[in-house]
Amino acid sequence: MNSTTTFSGTADVLVVGAGPTGLLLAGDLAAAGLSVTLIERRPRGTSTMTRAFGVHARTLELLDARGLADELVATGTTVDRMNAFRHLSLDLGRLRSRFPYLLVTPQYEVEHLLERRAREAGVEFRHETELLGLRQDADGVTAEIGGVGGGDAECSLHARYLVGADGVRSAVRHALDLPFPGTSVIRSIVLADVKLAEEPAGSLSVAGSDEAFAFIVPFGDGYYRVMGWNRKHQVPDSAPIDLDDVREITRQALGTDYGMHDARWLSRFHSDERQVPRYRTGRVFLAGDAAHCHSPAGGQGLNTGIQDAANLSWKLAAVLRGATGEPEALLDSYHEERHPVGAAVLRTSGAIVRLAMAHNPVQRTARSLVTRLLNGVRPARDKAMGRISGIGIAYPAGRDAHRLTGTRVPDLALAEGRLYELLREGEFVLVTPAVEDAAPGRRLIRARWNGARRTTLLIRPDGYVAWASETPDATALEEALHRWTGERGTVAARQP
């Protein structure tokens, strides 16, 4: 640091990056009663305008657990069927979720709701601020920050933990000197938000020819998001783009440009497949695009980042509040659970884009076989929808664990109300056949089945099963509670 550097306070957690990932994480931590500072290079009121457009079922469930989903749904349009490669159709209405669809809404709508929640929870925002460097020791992380472009004097912030949610060019990842291995998958993708004179037959369509592919989805406000690529026109991201370029690609891929007009946004970018080897380095964590990036196929980028944040936030909160019996193991579990998910998203999105780009006979035959498999075999189709939507994601469980351990829990109708309403308190939920008398717990919500089911479930704040049993087992339950919440002798807890 130079002579202009001043010390400028402390926080429990410093979050770098105010995209959806950082905003959800910061809001969760502040809602848990922790002090949180969030720094962001952009001025306040500006948005990442906006490659992301789709919010999948699992992400909507996580937003429901924060009281935001219904408000977000009102900002966009819902798509219950995905059509691809002319002959493949996926019925999202079969998803076992309160949200059996893809919500199409601009990323800035997601950011608006998450920023409002974070501010109301007490997050300290520092816009037009960038990370210059960091160092960590046994007590925490010291971050050197300054105004973007050198506008403000440098200063230091000390936090017990730091999370980098600052995108593909992550300053946090660079400060840690972590590699970001991978390759560039596809260059010169065009994006446009346009109006159409003719309405496409399906709500969401993707198709390709030998030379191009294109994707069209409605926003619900009269505009459509168009994404396209032309094999024979590979130019740098900085090359000029106009609406005629988008029209030509769409005609090549879909046979028509639907009379597109009135573009409100045009952009060109390239797509990489990259993933950092580890998501945790001491007291520093990476989440979202800072940890992984991939093609936009399947619309999984924003969703994977938000799901990273939901996995990490409650674990950091538990450790900082002393509410876990195994703090280091709990923090390590973030990488153990989310790194394989990130790798799977790279594979899934990569497979979709490669099928869309198929141009030689072998590739087109492979695409035809995949299409026939998914159209003809319901379990395969349901698995694909579960993976893309996020509701099929499960985390590893121990060898002798109950079959439900690590699985995502749908929105159960309990005697005390909907599960995801109970999860809005950010605590574990213990679901049992009947309420038993015992001392109240500090960080546990007790609920009962609304029926005759006998399974006992200990549900994590992110909606996954931490422990389960088909028969009463007070000893095993006490052990699970101590592991996950740091408490003993609290089998029963406060009513919601």
Protein backbone atom coordinates (compact mmCIF):
# COMPACT_ATOMS: atom_id res chain seq x y z
CA MET A 1 0.00 0.00 0.00
CA ASN A 2 1.10 3.55 -0.60
CA SER A 3 1.20 6.53 1.70
CA THR A 4 -2.41 7.50 0.92
CA THR A 5 -3.74 4.26 2.35
CA THR A 6 -5.95 4.50 5.41
CA PHE A 7 -7.56 1.81 7.51
CA SER A 8 -11.31 1.75 7.05
CA GLY A 9 -13.10 -0.67 9.31
CA THR A 10 -13.99 -4.31 9.72
CA ALA A 11 -16.77 -6.71 8.81
CA ASP A 12 -17.64 -10.30 9.39
CA VAL A 13 -17.68 -10.91 5.63
CA LEU A 14 -16.47 -8.85 2.67
CA VAL A 15 -18.25 -9.73 -0.59
CA VAL A 16 -16.69 -8.61 -3.87
CA GLY A 17 -19.17 -8.25 -6.73
CA ALA A 18 -22.79 -7.08 -6.75
CA GLY A 19 -24.23 -9.39 -9.35
CA PRO A 20 -26.97 -11.85 -8.38
CA THR A 21 -24.49 -14.22 -6.68
CA GLY A 22 -22.92 -11.58 -4.46
CA LEU A 23 -26.22 -9.87 -3.69
CA LEU A 24 -27.96 -13.05 -2.53
CA LEU A 25 -24.96 -14.08 -0.44
CA ALA A 26 -24.58 -10.67 1.19
CA GLY A 27 -28.30 -10.43 1.91
CA ASP A 28 -28.35 -13.87 3.52
CA LEU A 29 -25.41 -13.08 5.79
CA ALA A 30 -26.80 -9.71 6.86
CA ALA A 31 -30.22 -11.27 7.52
CA ALA A 32 -28.42 -13.72 9.83
CA GLY A 33 -27.24 -10.77 11.92
CA LEU A 34 -23.70 -10.50 10.54
CA SER A 35 -21.88 -7.37 9.41
CA VAL A 36 -21.34 -7.44 5.65
CA THR A 37 -19.58 -5.05 3.29
CA LEU A 38 -20.07 -5.42 -0.45
CA ILE A 39 -17.81 -3.70 -2.96
CA GLU A 40 -18.67 -3.30 -6.64
CA ARG A 41 -16.88 -1.65 -9.57
CA ARG A 42 -20.10 -0.39 -11.17
CA PRO A 43 -21.78 2.84 -10.06
CA ARG A 44 -24.95 2.42 -8.06
CA GLY A 45 -28.01 2.00 -10.24
CA THR A 46 -26.24 0.35 -13.17
CA SER A 47 -26.81 -3.27 -14.12
CA THR A 48 -25.09 -6.04 -15.98
CA MET A 49 -27.16 -5.50 -19.11
CA THR A 50 -27.60 -8.51 -19.55
CA ARG A 51 -26.68 -11.86 -20.96
CA ALA A 52 -28.74 -13.74 -18.39
CA PHE A 53 -32.46 -13.92 -19.04
CA GLY A 54 -33.80 -17.15 -17.52
CA VAL A 55 -34.50 -18.18 -13.93
CA HIS A 56 -34.96 -21.91 -13.48
CA ALA A 57 -37.20 -23.76 -11.04
CA ARG A 58 -34.56 -24.47 -8.39
CA THR A 59 -33.44 -20.85 -8.30
CA LEU A 60 -37.06 -19.73 -7.95
CA GLU A 61 -37.41 -22.12 -5.00
CA LEU A 62 -34.39 -20.51 -3.34
CA LEU A 63 -35.85 -17.06 -3.98
CA ASP A 64 -39.15 -18.33 -2.55
CA ALA A 65 -37.24 -19.22 0.63
CA ARG A 66 -36.37 -15.50 0.78
CA GLY A 67 -39.86 -14.20 0.01
CA LEU A 68 -38.90 -12.90 -3.44
CA ALA A 69 -40.06 -15.47 -5.99
CA ASP A 70 -43.64 -14.37 -6.52
CA GLU A 71 -42.57 -10.75 -7.00
CA LEU A 72 -39.93 -11.79 -9.52
CA VAL A 73 -42.35 -14.00 -11.46
CA ALA A 74 -44.56 -10.94 -11.96
CA THR A 75 -41.71 -9.21 -13.86
CA GLY A 76 -41.44 -11.74 -16.66
CA THR A 77 -43.10 -14.49 -18.63
CA THR A 78 -43.14 -18.22 -17.91
CA VAL A 79 -42.14 -20.89 -20.42
CA ASP A 80 -43.35 -24.42 -19.74
CA ARG A 81 -41.93 -26.07 -22.85
CA MET A 82 -38.46 -26.00 -24.39
CA ASN A 83 -38.08 -26.90 -28.07
CA ALA A 84 -34.67 -27.76 -29.48
CA PHE A 85 -33.15 -29.05 -32.70
CA ARG A 86 -36.57 -28.88 -34.44
CA HIS A 87 -37.78 -32.23 -33.07
CA LEU A 88 -37.01 -32.25 -29.32
CA SER A 89 -39.60 -30.92 -26.88
CA LEU A 90 -39.15 -30.84 -23.08
CA ASP A 91 -42.30 -30.34 -20.99
CA LEU A 92 -41.20 -28.33 -17.96
CA GLY A 93 -44.71 -28.67 -16.57
CA ARG A 94 -43.65 -32.13 -15.37
CA LEU A 95 -41.16 -30.65 -12.90
CA ARG A 96 -42.09 -31.44 -9.30
CA SER A 97 -41.85 -27.88 -8.12
CA ARG A 98 -44.03 -24.94 -7.24
CA PHE A 99 -42.38 -23.37 -10.30
CA PRO A 100 -42.72 -25.88 -13.16
CA TYR A 101 -41.36 -23.55 -15.82
CA LEU A 102 -38.52 -21.31 -16.91
CA LEU A 103 -39.07 -17.69 -15.94
CA VAL A 104 -37.84 -15.32 -18.64
CA THR A 105 -36.92 -11.98 -17.11
CA PRO A 106 -33.91 -9.68 -17.48
CA GLN A 107 -31.06 -10.12 -15.03
CA TYR A 108 -31.53 -6.58 -13.76
CA GLU A 109 -34.93 -7.57 -12.33
CA VAL A 110 -33.23 -10.27 -10.25
CA GLU A 111 -30.55 -7.82 -9.14
CA HIS A 112 -33.13 -5.19 -8.20
CA LEU A 113 -34.94 -7.50 -5.78
CA LEU A 114 -31.76 -8.95 -4.28
CA GLU A 115 -30.17 -5.51 -3.81
CA ARG A 116 -33.29 -4.18 -2.11
CA ARG A 117 -33.29 -7.16 0.27
CA ALA A 118 -29.57 -6.76 1.00
CA ARG A 119 -29.91 -3.05 1.78
CA GLU A 120 -32.90 -3.66 4.03
CA ALA A 121 -30.89 -6.33 5.89
CA GLY A 122 -28.08 -3.86 6.55
CA VAL A 123 -25.39 -4.64 3.96
CA GLU A 124 -22.91 -1.78 3.55
CA PHE A 125 -22.45 -1.07 -0.19
CA ARG A 126 -19.37 0.57 -1.66
CA HIS A 127 -19.89 1.19 -5.36
CA GLU A 128 -17.21 2.34 -7.81
CA THR A 129 -14.75 0.45 -5.65
CA GLU A 130 -12.33 -2.28 -6.71
CA LEU A 131 -10.19 -4.88 -4.99
CA LEU A 132 -6.48 -4.12 -5.34
CA GLY A 133 -5.06 -6.96 -3.31
CA LEU A 134 -5.60 -9.17 -0.28
CA ARG A 135 -3.74 -11.05 2.38
CA GLN A 136 -5.02 -13.48 4.97
CA ASP A 137 -3.92 -14.94 8.27
CA ALA A 138 -5.40 -17.08 11.02
CA ASP A 139 -7.73 -14.29 12.13
CA GLY A 140 -9.14 -13.08 8.84
CA VAL A 141 -8.57 -11.36 5.51
CA THR A 142 -7.28 -7.84 4.89
CA ALA A 143 -8.39 -6.43 1.56
CA GLU A 144 -6.83 -3.42 -0.11
CA ILE A 145 -9.46 -1.45 -2.00
CA GLY A 146 -9.64 1.80 -3.92
CA GLY A 147 -11.85 3.83 -6.20
CA VAL A 148 -12.20 2.61 -9.77
CA GLY A 149 -9.62 4.37 -11.91
CA GLY A 150 -7.80 5.68 -8.84
CA GLY A 151 -10.57 8.11 -7.96
CA ASP A 152 -10.37 7.58 -4.20
CA ALA A 153 -7.49 6.93 -1.83
CA GLU A 154 -6.69 3.32 -1.13
CA CYS A 155 -7.79 1.87 2.17
CA SER A 156 -7.91 -1.48 3.95
CA LEU A 157 -10.89 -3.49 5.08
CA HIS A 158 -10.54 -6.39 7.47
CA ALA A 159 -13.04 -9.24 7.44
CA ARG A 160 -13.16 -12.66 8.99
CA TYR A 161 -13.99 -14.12 5.55
CA LEU A 162 -14.03 -12.84 1.98
CA VAL A 163 -16.10 -14.09 -0.96
CA GLY A 164 -15.24 -13.34 -4.57
CA ALA A 165 -18.41 -13.13 -6.66
CA ASP A 166 -16.85 -10.75 -9.15
CA GLY A 167 -17.27 -12.56 -12.43
CA VAL A 168 -15.13 -14.18 -15.08
CA ARG A 169 -12.31 -11.63 -14.70
CA SER A 170 -12.38 -12.01 -10.91
CA ALA A 171 -9.92 -9.75 -9.09
CA VAL A 172 -10.23 -12.07 -6.09
CA ARG A 173 -9.20 -15.10 -8.13
CA HIS A 174 -6.24 -13.17 -9.55
CA ALA A 175 -5.22 -12.00 -6.07
CA LEU A 176 -5.17 -15.63 -4.95
CA ASP A 177 -3.10 -16.49 -8.06
CA LEU A 178 -5.45 -19.36 -8.84
CA PRO A 179 -5.48 -20.91 -12.32
CA PHE A 180 -8.68 -20.86 -14.38
CA PRO A 181 -8.10 -23.74 -16.79
CA GLY A 182 -10.30 -24.39 -19.78
CA THR A 183 -10.86 -23.47 -23.40
CA SER A 184 -12.80 -21.10 -25.58
CA VAL A 185 -15.80 -23.07 -26.84
CA ILE A 186 -17.41 -20.70 -29.27
CA ARG A 187 -16.54 -17.24 -30.58
CA SER A 188 -18.62 -14.37 -31.88
CA ILE A 189 -22.02 -15.15 -30.37
CA VAL A 190 -24.49 -12.35 -31.00
CA LEU A 191 -27.18 -11.30 -28.56
CA ALA A 192 -30.10 -9.02 -29.27
CA ASP A 193 -33.32 -7.94 -27.59
CA VAL A 194 -35.79 -7.22 -30.41
CA LYS A 195 -39.44 -7.02 -31.34
CA LEU A 196 -40.86 -9.52 -33.85
CA ALA A 197 -43.52 -8.99 -36.50
CA GLU A 198 -44.37 -12.71 -36.39
CA GLU A 199 -44.69 -14.76 -33.23
CA PRO A 200 -42.64 -18.01 -33.17
CA ALA A 201 -44.63 -21.22 -32.85
CA GLY A 202 -43.02 -22.27 -29.56
CA SER A 203 -42.41 -20.32 -26.38
CA LEU A 204 -38.72 -21.17 -26.47
CA SER A 205 -36.93 -22.43 -29.55
CA VAL A 206 -33.37 -23.37 -30.44
CA ALA A 207 -32.30 -24.83 -33.77
CA GLY A 208 -29.37 -24.91 -36.13
CA SER A 209 -28.24 -25.55 -39.67
CA ASP A 210 -24.84 -26.56 -41.04
CA GLU A 211 -23.67 -22.97 -40.77
CA ALA A 212 -25.54 -21.36 -37.87
CA PHE A 213 -27.69 -21.79 -34.80
CA ALA A 214 -30.15 -19.46 -33.11
CA PHE A 215 -32.23 -19.27 -29.95
CA ILE A 216 -35.37 -17.19 -29.36
CA VAL A 217 -37.32 -16.66 -26.14
CA PRO A 218 -39.94 -14.04 -25.17
CA PHE A 219 -39.46 -11.59 -22.31
CA GLY A 220 -43.21 -11.01 -22.05
CA ASP A 221 -43.03 -7.24 -22.61
CA GLY A 222 -43.14 -7.40 -26.41
CA TYR A 223 -39.40 -8.04 -26.74
CA TYR A 224 -37.61 -11.30 -27.50
CA ARG A 225 -34.09 -12.38 -26.62
CA VAL A 226 -32.25 -13.71 -29.68
CA MET A 227 -28.92 -15.48 -29.45
CA GLY A 228 -27.12 -16.65 -32.58
CA TRP A 229 -23.87 -17.80 -34.13
CA ASN A 230 -22.59 -18.05 -37.69
CA ARG A 231 -19.82 -20.55 -38.39
CA LYS A 232 -18.49 -18.51 -41.30
CA HIS A 233 -18.47 -15.15 -39.56
CA GLN A 234 -16.09 -15.39 -36.61
CA VAL A 235 -14.97 -11.91 -35.55
CA PRO A 236 -13.63 -10.36 -32.33
CA ASP A 237 -16.03 -9.35 -29.55
CA SER A 238 -15.22 -5.73 -30.33
CA ALA A 239 -16.38 -5.97 -33.96
CA PRO A 240 -19.40 -3.80 -34.83
CA ILE A 241 -22.81 -5.49 -34.86
CA ASP A 242 -26.10 -4.38 -36.34
CA LEU A 243 -29.57 -5.87 -36.59
CA ASP A 244 -28.93 -7.17 -40.11
CA ASP A 245 -26.26 -9.51 -38.69
CA VAL A 246 -28.80 -10.98 -36.26
CA ARG A 247 -31.47 -11.29 -38.95
CA GLU A 248 -29.12 -13.20 -41.26
CA ILE A 249 -28.04 -15.67 -38.58
CA THR A 250 -31.65 -16.28 -37.52
CA ARG A 251 -32.75 -16.91 -41.12
CA GLN A 252 -29.92 -19.40 -41.62
CA ALA A 253 -30.73 -21.31 -38.41
CA LEU A 254 -34.53 -21.08 -38.18
CA GLY A 255 -35.56 -20.36 -41.75
CA THR A 256 -37.00 -16.94 -40.90
CA ASP A 257 -36.11 -13.83 -38.95
CA TYR A 258 -39.76 -13.36 -37.84
CA GLY A 259 -39.63 -9.76 -39.04
CA MET A 260 -37.41 -8.63 -36.17
CA HIS A 261 -37.12 -4.89 -35.59
CA ASP A 262 -36.57 -2.21 -32.93
CA ALA A 263 -33.50 -3.69 -31.22
CA ARG A 264 -33.07 -2.19 -27.75
CA TRP A 265 -29.78 -3.99 -27.15
CA LEU A 266 -27.11 -5.64 -29.33
CA SER A 267 -23.93 -7.36 -28.18
CA ARG A 268 -21.27 -9.79 -29.31
CA PHE A 269 -19.27 -12.10 -27.02
CA HIS A 270 -17.35 -15.36 -26.84
CA SER A 271 -17.96 -18.31 -24.55
CA ASP A 272 -15.36 -20.18 -22.51
CA GLU A 273 -15.56 -23.35 -20.44
CA ARG A 274 -13.42 -22.81 -17.36
CA GLN A 275 -13.43 -23.83 -13.70
CA VAL A 276 -11.14 -22.95 -10.84
CA PRO A 277 -9.60 -26.06 -9.19
CA ARG A 278 -10.83 -25.18 -5.72
CA TYR A 279 -13.57 -22.91 -4.44
CA ARG A 280 -11.99 -22.31 -1.02
CA THR A 281 -8.52 -20.97 -0.23
CA GLY A 282 -8.25 -20.51 3.52
CA ARG A 283 -10.69 -17.76 4.47
CA VAL A 284 -11.45 -16.79 0.87
CA PHE A 285 -14.17 -18.36 -1.29
CA LEU A 286 -15.12 -18.06 -4.95
CA ALA A 287 -18.67 -18.28 -6.25
CA GLY A 288 -20.54 -17.82 -9.52
CA ASP A 289 -18.63 -16.86 -12.66
CA ALA A 290 -15.52 -16.19 -10.58
CA ALA A 291 -15.38 -19.94 -9.98
CA HIS A 292 -16.78 -21.31 -13.24
CA CYS A 293 -17.93 -20.13 -16.65
CA HIS A 294 -19.53 -21.93 -19.56
CA SER A 295 -21.67 -21.45 -22.63
CA PRO A 296 -25.07 -19.77 -22.22
CA ALA A 297 -26.81 -22.88 -23.56
CA GLY A 298 -29.44 -24.01 -21.08
CA GLY A 299 -29.45 -20.64 -19.32
CA GLN A 300 -27.59 -22.00 -16.29
CA GLY A 301 -25.03 -19.29 -15.50
CA LEU A 302 -27.02 -16.94 -13.26
CA ASN A 303 -28.80 -19.93 -11.73
CA THR A 304 -25.63 -21.83 -10.84
CA GLY A 305 -24.17 -18.71 -9.21
CA ILE A 306 -27.24 -18.08 -7.08
CA GLN A 307 -27.23 -21.72 -6.03
CA ASP A 308 -23.53 -21.43 -5.10
CA ALA A 309 -24.40 -18.47 -2.89
CA ALA A 310 -27.31 -20.27 -1.22
CA ASN A 311 -25.04 -23.19 -0.41
CA LEU A 312 -22.26 -21.03 1.03
CA SER A 313 -24.20 -18.36 2.90
CA TRP A 314 -25.76 -20.51 5.61
CA LYS A 315 -22.46 -22.31 6.19
CA LEU A 316 -20.56 -19.07 6.71
CA ALA A 317 -23.34 -17.81 8.97
CA ALA A 318 -23.27 -21.02 11.02
CA VAL A 319 -19.51 -20.81 11.55
CA LEU A 320 -19.52 -17.10 12.37
CA ARG A 321 -22.34 -17.58 14.89
CA GLY A 322 -20.71 -20.66 16.40
CA ALA A 323 -23.68 -22.75 15.33
CA THR A 324 -21.85 -25.85 14.14
CA GLY A 325 -19.89 -28.60 15.77
CA GLU A 326 -17.47 -28.99 12.85
CA PRO A 327 -16.70 -25.53 11.41
CA GLU A 328 -13.82 -26.40 9.08
CA ALA A 329 -15.56 -29.46 7.69
CA LEU A 330 -18.69 -27.40 7.08
CA LEU A 331 -16.75 -24.72 5.18
CA ASP A 332 -14.90 -27.36 3.17
CA SER A 333 -18.23 -28.90 2.19
CA TYR A 334 -18.93 -25.82 0.02
CA HIS A 335 -16.23 -26.89 -2.44
CA GLU A 336 -17.06 -30.57 -2.05
CA GLU A 337 -20.71 -30.01 -2.94
CA ARG A 338 -20.57 -27.19 -5.47
CA HIS A 339 -17.42 -27.96 -7.49
CA PRO A 340 -18.94 -31.17 -8.96
CA VAL A 341 -22.11 -29.23 -9.77
CA GLY A 342 -20.08 -26.60 -11.62
CA ALA A 343 -18.27 -29.32 -13.55
CA ALA A 344 -21.59 -30.93 -14.49
CA VAL A 345 -22.96 -27.60 -15.72
CA LEU A 346 -19.90 -27.20 -17.95
CA ARG A 347 -20.59 -30.64 -19.41
CA THR A 348 -24.32 -30.05 -19.88
CA SER A 349 -24.07 -26.60 -21.43
CA GLY A 350 -21.14 -27.73 -23.54
CA ALA A 351 -23.09 -30.71 -24.86
CA ILE A 352 -26.07 -28.51 -25.77
CA VAL A 353 -23.97 -25.99 -27.68
CA ARG A 354 -21.99 -28.72 -29.48
CA LEU A 355 -25.21 -30.42 -30.55
CA ALA A 356 -26.52 -27.09 -31.79
CA MET A 357 -23.27 -26.55 -33.75
CA ALA A 358 -23.32 -30.04 -35.31
CA HIS A 359 -22.52 -29.85 -39.03
CA ASN A 360 -20.87 -33.07 -40.23
CA PRO A 361 -22.75 -36.39 -40.66
CA VAL A 362 -21.34 -37.98 -37.49
CA GLN A 363 -22.32 -35.00 -35.32
CA ARG A 364 -25.78 -34.75 -36.85
CA THR A 365 -26.32 -38.47 -36.27
CA ALA A 366 -25.33 -38.05 -32.62
CA ARG A 367 -27.79 -35.16 -32.29
CA SER A 368 -30.55 -37.27 -33.84
CA LEU A 369 -29.85 -40.13 -31.41
CA VAL A 370 -29.93 -37.80 -28.39
CA THR A 371 -33.19 -36.27 -29.61
CA ARG A 372 -34.80 -39.69 -30.08
CA LEU A 373 -33.60 -40.86 -26.66
CA LEU A 374 -34.99 -37.86 -24.83
CA ASN A 375 -38.26 -37.88 -26.77
CA GLY A 376 -38.79 -41.61 -26.32
CA VAL A 377 -37.47 -42.41 -22.82
CA ARG A 378 -39.28 -40.52 -20.07
CA PRO A 379 -36.72 -41.18 -17.29
CA ALA A 380 -33.93 -39.81 -19.50
CA ARG A 381 -36.05 -36.78 -20.38
CA ASP A 382 -36.95 -36.15 -16.74
CA LYS A 383 -33.30 -36.46 -15.72
CA ALA A 384 -32.28 -33.91 -18.36
CA MET A 385 -34.97 -31.49 -17.17
CA GLY A 386 -33.96 -32.01 -13.55
CA ARG A 387 -30.35 -31.24 -14.35
CA ILE A 388 -31.06 -28.11 -16.40
CA SER A 389 -33.69 -26.77 -13.98
CA GLY A 390 -31.54 -27.54 -10.93
CA ILE A 391 -34.16 -29.53 -9.06
CA GLY A 392 -32.37 -32.78 -9.86
CA ILE A 393 -29.12 -31.70 -8.19
CA ALA A 394 -28.19 -33.72 -5.11
CA TYR A 395 -25.14 -33.63 -2.85
CA PRO A 396 -22.99 -36.58 -1.73
CA ALA A 397 -24.03 -38.47 1.40
CA GLY A 398 -22.18 -40.93 3.61
CA ARG A 399 -22.18 -44.63 2.85
CA ASP A 400 -24.73 -45.52 5.53
CA ALA A 401 -26.83 -42.39 5.15
CA HIS A 402 -30.57 -42.45 4.51
CA ARG A 403 -31.43 -42.43 0.80
CA LEU A 404 -32.86 -38.89 1.10
CA THR A 405 -29.70 -37.37 2.60
CA GLY A 406 -28.26 -34.75 0.28
CA THR A 407 -31.37 -34.49 -1.89
CA ARG A 408 -33.33 -31.33 -2.55
CA VAL A 409 -36.66 -31.13 -0.73
CA PRO A 410 -39.72 -29.94 -2.67
CA ASP A 411 -42.13 -27.43 -1.16
CA LEU A 412 -43.78 -29.70 1.40
CA ALA A 413 -47.20 -28.86 2.76
CA LEU A 414 -46.66 -29.13 6.52
CA ALA A 415 -49.00 -28.62 9.45
CA GLU A 416 -47.30 -25.27 10.09
CA GLY A 417 -47.40 -24.12 6.44
CA ARG A 418 -45.30 -24.40 3.29
CA LEU A 419 -41.72 -25.56 3.84
CA TYR A 420 -40.20 -22.74 1.80
CA GLU A 421 -42.07 -20.18 3.88
CA LEU A 422 -40.59 -21.74 7.02
CA LEU A 423 -37.12 -21.60 5.42
CA ARG A 424 -37.40 -17.81 5.19
CA GLU A 425 -35.99 -17.59 8.71
CA GLY A 426 -32.70 -19.00 7.43
CA GLU A 427 -32.63 -21.85 9.93
CA PHE A 428 -32.78 -25.65 9.89
CA VAL A 429 -36.25 -27.17 9.80
CA LEU A 430 -36.90 -30.42 11.65
CA VAL A 431 -39.94 -32.26 10.27
CA THR A 432 -41.34 -35.03 12.48
CA PRO A 433 -44.53 -37.07 12.70
CA ALA A 434 -45.53 -35.40 15.98
CA VAL A 435 -44.36 -32.66 18.31
CA GLU A 436 -42.56 -33.91 21.38
CA ASP A 437 -41.76 -32.03 24.55
CA ALA A 438 -38.14 -30.92 24.90
CA ALA A 439 -36.06 -27.81 25.48
CA PRO A 440 -36.28 -25.20 22.72
CA GLY A 441 -33.36 -24.82 20.34
CA ARG A 442 -31.93 -21.53 19.19
CA ARG A 443 -31.51 -22.28 15.51
CA LEU A 444 -34.10 -24.85 14.63
CA ILE A 445 -37.69 -24.67 13.43
CA ARG A 446 -39.90 -27.59 14.34
CA ALA A 447 -42.67 -28.70 11.97
CA ARG A 448 -44.99 -31.68 11.56
CA TRP A 449 -46.12 -33.68 8.59
CA ASN A 450 -49.57 -32.75 7.39
CA GLY A 451 -50.57 -36.40 7.24
CA ALA A 452 -49.48 -39.87 8.35
CA ARG A 453 -45.90 -39.89 7.02
CA ARG A 454 -43.40 -41.20 9.58
CA THR A 455 -40.05 -40.02 8.14
CA THR A 456 -38.07 -37.56 10.24
CA LEU A 457 -36.21 -34.96 8.15
CA LEU A 458 -33.59 -32.45 9.23
CA ILE A 459 -33.63 -29.90 6.40
CA ARG A 460 -30.79 -27.47 5.82
CA PRO A 461 -31.44 -23.75 5.29
CA ASP A 462 -30.80 -24.26 1.56
CA GLY A 463 -33.58 -26.84 1.29
CA TYR A 464 -31.48 -30.04 1.20
CA VAL A 465 -31.79 -32.99 3.57
CA ALA A 466 -29.03 -33.01 6.19
CA TRP A 467 -30.27 -36.17 7.96
CA ALA A 468 -33.28 -38.47 7.78
CA SER A 469 -34.69 -41.55 9.46
CA GLU A 470 -37.77 -43.72 8.97
CA THR A 471 -37.93 -44.66 12.66
CA PRO A 472 -37.51 -42.65 15.90
CA ASP A 473 -33.80 -42.45 16.75
CA ALA A 474 -33.18 -39.76 19.37
CA THR A 475 -29.46 -40.52 19.68
CA ALA A 476 -28.77 -40.26 15.95
CA LEU A 477 -30.88 -37.11 15.73
CA GLU A 478 -28.95 -35.48 18.58
CA GLU A 479 -25.68 -36.31 16.81
CA ALA A 480 -26.96 -34.82 13.56
CA LEU A 481 -28.13 -31.68 15.32
CA HIS A 482 -24.75 -31.23 16.99
CA ARG A 483 -22.91 -31.71 13.72
CA TRP A 484 -25.06 -29.27 11.79
CA THR A 485 -26.16 -26.73 14.43
CA GLY A 486 -23.63 -27.10 17.24
CA GLU A 487 -26.38 -27.81 19.77
CA ARG A 488 -27.11 -30.75 22.04
CA GLY A 489 -30.25 -31.62 23.96
CA THR A 490 -32.49 -29.60 21.63
CA VAL A 491 -34.46 -32.22 19.73
CA ALA A 492 -37.57 -30.10 20.01
CA ALA A 493 -37.43 -26.47 19.08
CA ARG A 494 -39.47 -23.35 18.85
CA GLN A 495 -42.57 -23.34 16.77
CA PRO A 496 -42.43 -21.12 13.68
